Amino acid sequence: MTHSNFKKFSLALALAAGLLVNAQADPVGARVTALPQYQQECAACHMAYPPGLLPAASWQRMMGSLNKHYGTDASLDAASTSNISGWLKTNAGSYKRVSEEPPQDRITRSAWFLRKHRDGEVPAGVWKRASVGSPANCVACHAQAAQGNFDEHAVKIPK
């Protein structure tokens, strides 16, 4: 391999590695367009969390227990439940970081979430601020969270 070809190969390899790192840095994985029905039903009460934040088994349990959805009856008709469940299963997180089912199927209790928001990076008091409310309020700090963009370089923690 000539010196010129080696430099081109090295540059291509470095660019590919950079793209891979950036893809892995995105906790949502591939950003998907929200199913309108999912957006309508789920975002009526909270942010419609990108399906890639949980594994399929977590979404399946959640959709199977909507009558007691974290203390609220969020029941849907059978057709809506089936349609949304299918979309969530298809777009669920399947990469290593999200493959672990978090306690109580809560995104905020998943190992990757806790690692990304550990004390020191996000002081514990932040969650108690009225402007934040809880770790589940992603849009408080991630303005583009509803679109699946959790870029840590764009985080703005409110006062």
C-alpha atoms as a PDB file:
ATOM      1  CA  MET A   1       0.000   0.000   0.000  1.00  0.00           C
ATOM      2  CA  THR A   2       1.427   3.365  -0.976  1.00  0.00           C
ATOM      3  CA  HIS A   3       1.802   6.148   1.564  1.00  0.00           C
ATOM      4  CA  SER A   4      -0.993   8.113  -0.158  1.00  0.00           C
ATOM      5  CA  ASN A   5      -3.359   5.120  -0.135  1.00  0.00           C
ATOM      6  CA  PHE A   6      -2.521   4.397   3.503  1.00  0.00           C
ATOM      7  CA  LYS A   7      -3.390   8.001   4.433  1.00  0.00           C
ATOM      8  CA  LYS A   8      -6.723   7.741   2.551  1.00  0.00           C
ATOM      9  CA  PHE A   9      -7.476   4.394   4.205  1.00  0.00           C
ATOM     10  CA  SER A  10      -6.585   5.775   7.646  1.00  0.00           C
ATOM     11  CA  LEU A  11      -8.814   8.817   7.116  1.00  0.00           C
ATOM     12  CA  ALA A  12     -11.715   6.648   5.963  1.00  0.00           C
ATOM     13  CA  LEU A  13     -11.275   4.363   8.961  1.00  0.00           C
ATOM     14  CA  ALA A  14     -11.170   7.337  11.369  1.00  0.00           C
ATOM     15  CA  LEU A  15     -14.322   8.821   9.836  1.00  0.00           C
ATOM     16  CA  ALA A  16     -16.133   5.491  10.073  1.00  0.00           C
ATOM     17  CA  ALA A  17     -15.086   5.099  13.706  1.00  0.00           C
ATOM     18  CA  GLY A  18     -16.327   8.613  14.468  1.00  0.00           C
ATOM     19  CA  LEU A  19     -19.696   7.846  12.913  1.00  0.00           C
ATOM     20  CA  LEU A  20     -19.947   4.648  14.932  1.00  0.00           C
ATOM     21  CA  VAL A  21     -19.149   6.484  18.172  1.00  0.00           C
ATOM     22  CA  ASN A  22     -21.750   9.148  17.380  1.00  0.00           C
ATOM     23  CA  ALA A  23     -24.356   6.514  16.584  1.00  0.00           C
ATOM     24  CA  GLN A  24     -23.649   4.731  19.868  1.00  0.00           C
ATOM     25  CA  ALA A  25     -23.804   8.000  21.808  1.00  0.00           C
ATOM     26  CA  ASP A  26     -27.448   8.405  20.836  1.00  0.00           C
ATOM     27  CA  PRO A  27     -29.432   6.567  23.542  1.00  0.00           C
ATOM     28  CA  VAL A  28     -32.409   6.312  21.267  1.00  0.00           C
ATOM     29  CA  GLY A  29     -30.597   4.615  18.442  1.00  0.00           C
ATOM     30  CA  ALA A  30     -32.173   5.354  15.094  1.00  0.00           C
ATOM     31  CA  ARG A  31     -34.663   8.160  15.449  1.00  0.00           C
ATOM     32  CA  VAL A  32     -38.043   7.114  14.179  1.00  0.00           C
ATOM     33  CA  THR A  33     -41.041   9.183  13.256  1.00  0.00           C
ATOM     34  CA  ALA A  34     -43.655   8.770  15.964  1.00  0.00           C
ATOM     35  CA  LEU A  35     -46.774   6.835  15.123  1.00  0.00           C
ATOM     36  CA  PRO A  36     -49.494   9.545  15.110  1.00  0.00           C
ATOM     37  CA  GLN A  37     -51.755   7.418  17.307  1.00  0.00           C
ATOM     38  CA  TYR A  38     -48.938   6.864  19.823  1.00  0.00           C
ATOM     39  CA  GLN A  39     -48.195  10.581  19.826  1.00  0.00           C
ATOM     40  CA  GLN A  40     -51.861  11.438  20.318  1.00  0.00           C
ATOM     41  CA  GLU A  41     -52.538   8.936  23.103  1.00  0.00           C
ATOM     42  CA  CYS A  42     -49.299   9.039  25.091  1.00  0.00           C
ATOM     43  CA  ALA A  43     -48.333  12.683  24.673  1.00  0.00           C
ATOM     44  CA  ALA A  44     -51.722  13.683  26.045  1.00  0.00           C
ATOM     45  CA  CYS A  45     -50.260  13.028  29.529  1.00  0.00           C
ATOM     46  CA  HIS A  46     -46.462  13.047  29.142  1.00  0.00           C
ATOM     47  CA  MET A  47     -43.795  13.177  26.501  1.00  0.00           C
ATOM     48  CA  ALA A  48     -44.220  10.376  23.978  1.00  0.00           C
ATOM     49  CA  TYR A  49     -40.944   8.666  24.805  1.00  0.00           C
ATOM     50  CA  PRO A  50     -39.007   7.386  21.785  1.00  0.00           C
ATOM     51  CA  PRO A  51     -39.511   3.618  21.576  1.00  0.00           C
ATOM     52  CA  GLY A  52     -35.771   2.995  21.408  1.00  0.00           C
ATOM     53  CA  LEU A  53     -35.422   3.953  25.074  1.00  0.00           C
ATOM     54  CA  LEU A  54     -36.828   0.603  26.244  1.00  0.00           C
ATOM     55  CA  PRO A  55     -36.559  -2.994  25.041  1.00  0.00           C
ATOM     56  CA  ALA A  56     -39.582  -4.644  23.436  1.00  0.00           C
ATOM     57  CA  ALA A  57     -40.380  -6.719  26.543  1.00  0.00           C
ATOM     58  CA  SER A  58     -40.753  -3.562  28.640  1.00  0.00           C
ATOM     59  CA  TRP A  59     -43.080  -1.957  26.104  1.00  0.00           C
ATOM     60  CA  GLN A  60     -45.092  -5.175  25.912  1.00  0.00           C
ATOM     61  CA  ARG A  61     -45.603  -5.268  29.691  1.00  0.00           C
ATOM     62  CA  MET A  62     -46.455  -1.588  29.764  1.00  0.00           C
ATOM     63  CA  MET A  63     -49.021  -1.890  26.985  1.00  0.00           C
ATOM     64  CA  GLY A  64     -50.493  -4.959  28.674  1.00  0.00           C
ATOM     65  CA  SER A  65     -51.104  -3.087  31.923  1.00  0.00           C
ATOM     66  CA  LEU A  66     -52.418   0.294  30.787  1.00  0.00           C
ATOM     67  CA  ASN A  67     -55.253   0.046  33.300  1.00  0.00           C
ATOM     68  CA  LYS A  68     -52.622   0.616  36.004  1.00  0.00           C
ATOM     69  CA  HIS A  69     -50.070   2.704  34.123  1.00  0.00           C
ATOM     70  CA  TYR A  70     -47.860   4.024  36.926  1.00  0.00           C
ATOM     71  CA  GLY A  71     -50.891   4.724  39.107  1.00  0.00           C
ATOM     72  CA  THR A  72     -53.186   5.944  36.336  1.00  0.00           C
ATOM     73  CA  ASP A  73     -55.775   4.208  34.190  1.00  0.00           C
ATOM     74  CA  ALA A  74     -54.508   4.817  30.655  1.00  0.00           C
ATOM     75  CA  SER A  75     -56.615   2.090  29.044  1.00  0.00           C
ATOM     76  CA  LEU A  76     -57.149   2.156  25.304  1.00  0.00           C
ATOM     77  CA  ASP A  77     -59.459   0.210  23.038  1.00  0.00           C
ATOM     78  CA  ALA A  78     -58.138  -3.124  21.792  1.00  0.00           C
ATOM     79  CA  ALA A  79     -57.383  -1.907  18.256  1.00  0.00           C
ATOM     80  CA  SER A  80     -55.383   1.091  19.494  1.00  0.00           C
ATOM     81  CA  THR A  81     -53.504  -1.050  21.998  1.00  0.00           C
ATOM     82  CA  SER A  82     -52.631  -3.569  19.301  1.00  0.00           C
ATOM     83  CA  ASN A  83     -51.539  -0.923  16.792  1.00  0.00           C
ATOM     84  CA  ILE A  84     -49.377   1.012  19.254  1.00  0.00           C
ATOM     85  CA  SER A  85     -47.946  -2.190  20.747  1.00  0.00           C
ATOM     86  CA  GLY A  86     -46.880  -3.414  17.310  1.00  0.00           C
ATOM     87  CA  TRP A  87     -45.193  -0.112  16.497  1.00  0.00           C
ATOM     88  CA  LEU A  88     -43.393  -0.029  19.864  1.00  0.00           C
ATOM     89  CA  LYS A  89     -42.190  -3.614  19.439  1.00  0.00           C
ATOM     90  CA  THR A  90     -40.874  -2.895  15.941  1.00  0.00           C
ATOM     91  CA  ASN A  91     -39.033   0.239  17.060  1.00  0.00           C
ATOM     92  CA  ALA A  92     -37.960  -0.808  20.551  1.00  0.00           C
ATOM     93  CA  GLY A  93     -34.368  -0.531  21.680  1.00  0.00           C
ATOM     94  CA  SER A  94     -32.491  -3.626  20.616  1.00  0.00           C
ATOM     95  CA  TYR A  95     -28.899  -2.565  21.028  1.00  0.00           C
ATOM     96  CA  LYS A  96     -26.843  -3.700  24.017  1.00  0.00           C
ATOM     97  CA  ARG A  97     -27.292  -0.629  26.208  1.00  0.00           C
ATOM     98  CA  VAL A  98     -31.085  -0.784  26.087  1.00  0.00           C
ATOM     99  CA  SER A  99     -31.512  -4.556  25.957  1.00  0.00           C
ATOM    100  CA  GLU A 100     -31.594  -4.802  29.758  1.00  0.00           C
ATOM    101  CA  GLU A 101     -35.114  -4.480  31.112  1.00  0.00           C
ATOM    102  CA  PRO A 102     -35.046  -1.739  33.752  1.00  0.00           C
ATOM    103  CA  PRO A 103     -36.760  -2.092  37.137  1.00  0.00           C
ATOM    104  CA  GLN A 104     -40.503  -1.480  36.803  1.00  0.00           C
ATOM    105  CA  ASP A 105     -39.911  -0.819  33.095  1.00  0.00           C
ATOM    106  CA  ARG A 106     -38.961   2.754  33.957  1.00  0.00           C
ATOM    107  CA  ILE A 107     -36.600   4.488  31.564  1.00  0.00           C
ATOM    108  CA  THR A 108     -35.271   6.544  34.476  1.00  0.00           C
ATOM    109  CA  ARG A 109     -34.207   3.389  36.330  1.00  0.00           C
ATOM    110  CA  SER A 110     -32.340   1.841  33.435  1.00  0.00           C
ATOM    111  CA  ALA A 111     -28.605   1.355  33.860  1.00  0.00           C
ATOM    112  CA  TRP A 112     -27.774   3.528  30.842  1.00  0.00           C
ATOM    113  CA  PHE A 113     -29.989   6.394  32.097  1.00  0.00           C
ATOM    114  CA  LEU A 114     -28.457   6.295  35.568  1.00  0.00           C
ATOM    115  CA  ARG A 115     -24.967   6.228  34.067  1.00  0.00           C
ATOM    116  CA  LYS A 116     -25.695   9.218  31.811  1.00  0.00           C
ATOM    117  CA  HIS A 117     -27.289  11.222  34.644  1.00  0.00           C
ATOM    118  CA  ARG A 118     -25.040  10.212  37.538  1.00  0.00           C
ATOM    119  CA  ASP A 119     -24.477  12.628  40.391  1.00  0.00           C
ATOM    120  CA  GLY A 120     -21.643  14.899  39.467  1.00  0.00           C
ATOM    121  CA  GLU A 121     -22.877  15.309  35.920  1.00  0.00           C
ATOM    122  CA  VAL A 122     -26.430  16.024  37.040  1.00  0.00           C
ATOM    123  CA  PRO A 123     -26.554  17.023  40.699  1.00  0.00           C
ATOM    124  CA  ALA A 124     -29.369  15.297  42.641  1.00  0.00           C
ATOM    125  CA  GLY A 125     -30.991  18.651  43.425  1.00  0.00           C
ATOM    126  CA  VAL A 126     -31.731  19.273  39.744  1.00  0.00           C
ATOM    127  CA  TRP A 127     -34.562  16.730  39.794  1.00  0.00           C
ATOM    128  CA  LYS A 128     -36.273  18.645  42.622  1.00  0.00           C
ATOM    129  CA  ARG A 129     -36.369  21.967  40.781  1.00  0.00           C
ATOM    130  CA  ALA A 130     -39.874  23.091  39.825  1.00  0.00           C
ATOM    131  CA  SER A 131     -38.585  23.689  36.284  1.00  0.00           C
ATOM    132  CA  VAL A 132     -37.530  20.030  36.006  1.00  0.00           C
ATOM    133  CA  GLY A 133     -39.870  18.107  38.315  1.00  0.00           C
ATOM    134  CA  SER A 134     -38.464  14.616  37.867  1.00  0.00           C
ATOM    135  CA  PRO A 135     -36.000  12.574  35.828  1.00  0.00           C
ATOM    136  CA  ALA A 136     -38.908  11.581  33.560  1.00  0.00           C
ATOM    137  CA  ASN A 137     -39.298  15.150  32.292  1.00  0.00           C
ATOM    138  CA  CYS A 138     -36.708  14.822  29.533  1.00  0.00           C
ATOM    139  CA  VAL A 139     -37.781  17.979  27.701  1.00  0.00           C
ATOM    140  CA  ALA A 140     -36.819  20.127  30.690  1.00  0.00           C
ATOM    141  CA  CYS A 141     -33.133  19.746  29.755  1.00  0.00           C
ATOM    142  CA  HIS A 142     -33.249  18.138  26.309  1.00  0.00           C
ATOM    143  CA  ALA A 143     -35.263  20.580  24.173  1.00  0.00           C
ATOM    144  CA  GLN A 144     -35.456  18.113  21.264  1.00  0.00           C
ATOM    145  CA  ALA A 145     -36.243  15.011  23.344  1.00  0.00           C
ATOM    146  CA  ALA A 146     -39.682  14.561  21.807  1.00  0.00           C
ATOM    147  CA  GLN A 147     -37.949  14.196  18.429  1.00  0.00           C
ATOM    148  CA  GLY A 148     -35.554  11.609  19.860  1.00  0.00           C
ATOM    149  CA  ASN A 149     -32.600  14.007  20.077  1.00  0.00           C
ATOM    150  CA  PHE A 150     -30.778  13.689  23.399  1.00  0.00           C
ATOM    151  CA  ASP A 151     -27.473  15.190  22.254  1.00  0.00           C
ATOM    152  CA  GLU A 152     -25.566  15.878  25.462  1.00  0.00           C
ATOM    153  CA  HIS A 153     -23.895  18.886  23.848  1.00  0.00           C
ATOM    154  CA  ALA A 154     -27.289  20.602  23.562  1.00  0.00           C
ATOM    155  CA  VAL A 155     -28.363  20.047  27.179  1.00  0.00           C
ATOM    156  CA  LYS A 156     -29.563  23.118  29.013  1.00  0.00           C
ATOM    157  CA  ILE A 157     -30.364  22.485  32.673  1.00  0.00           C
ATOM    158  CA  PRO A 158     -32.949  25.054  33.776  1.00  0.00           C
ATOM    159  CA  LYS A 159     -32.539  27.076  36.944  1.00  0.00           C
END
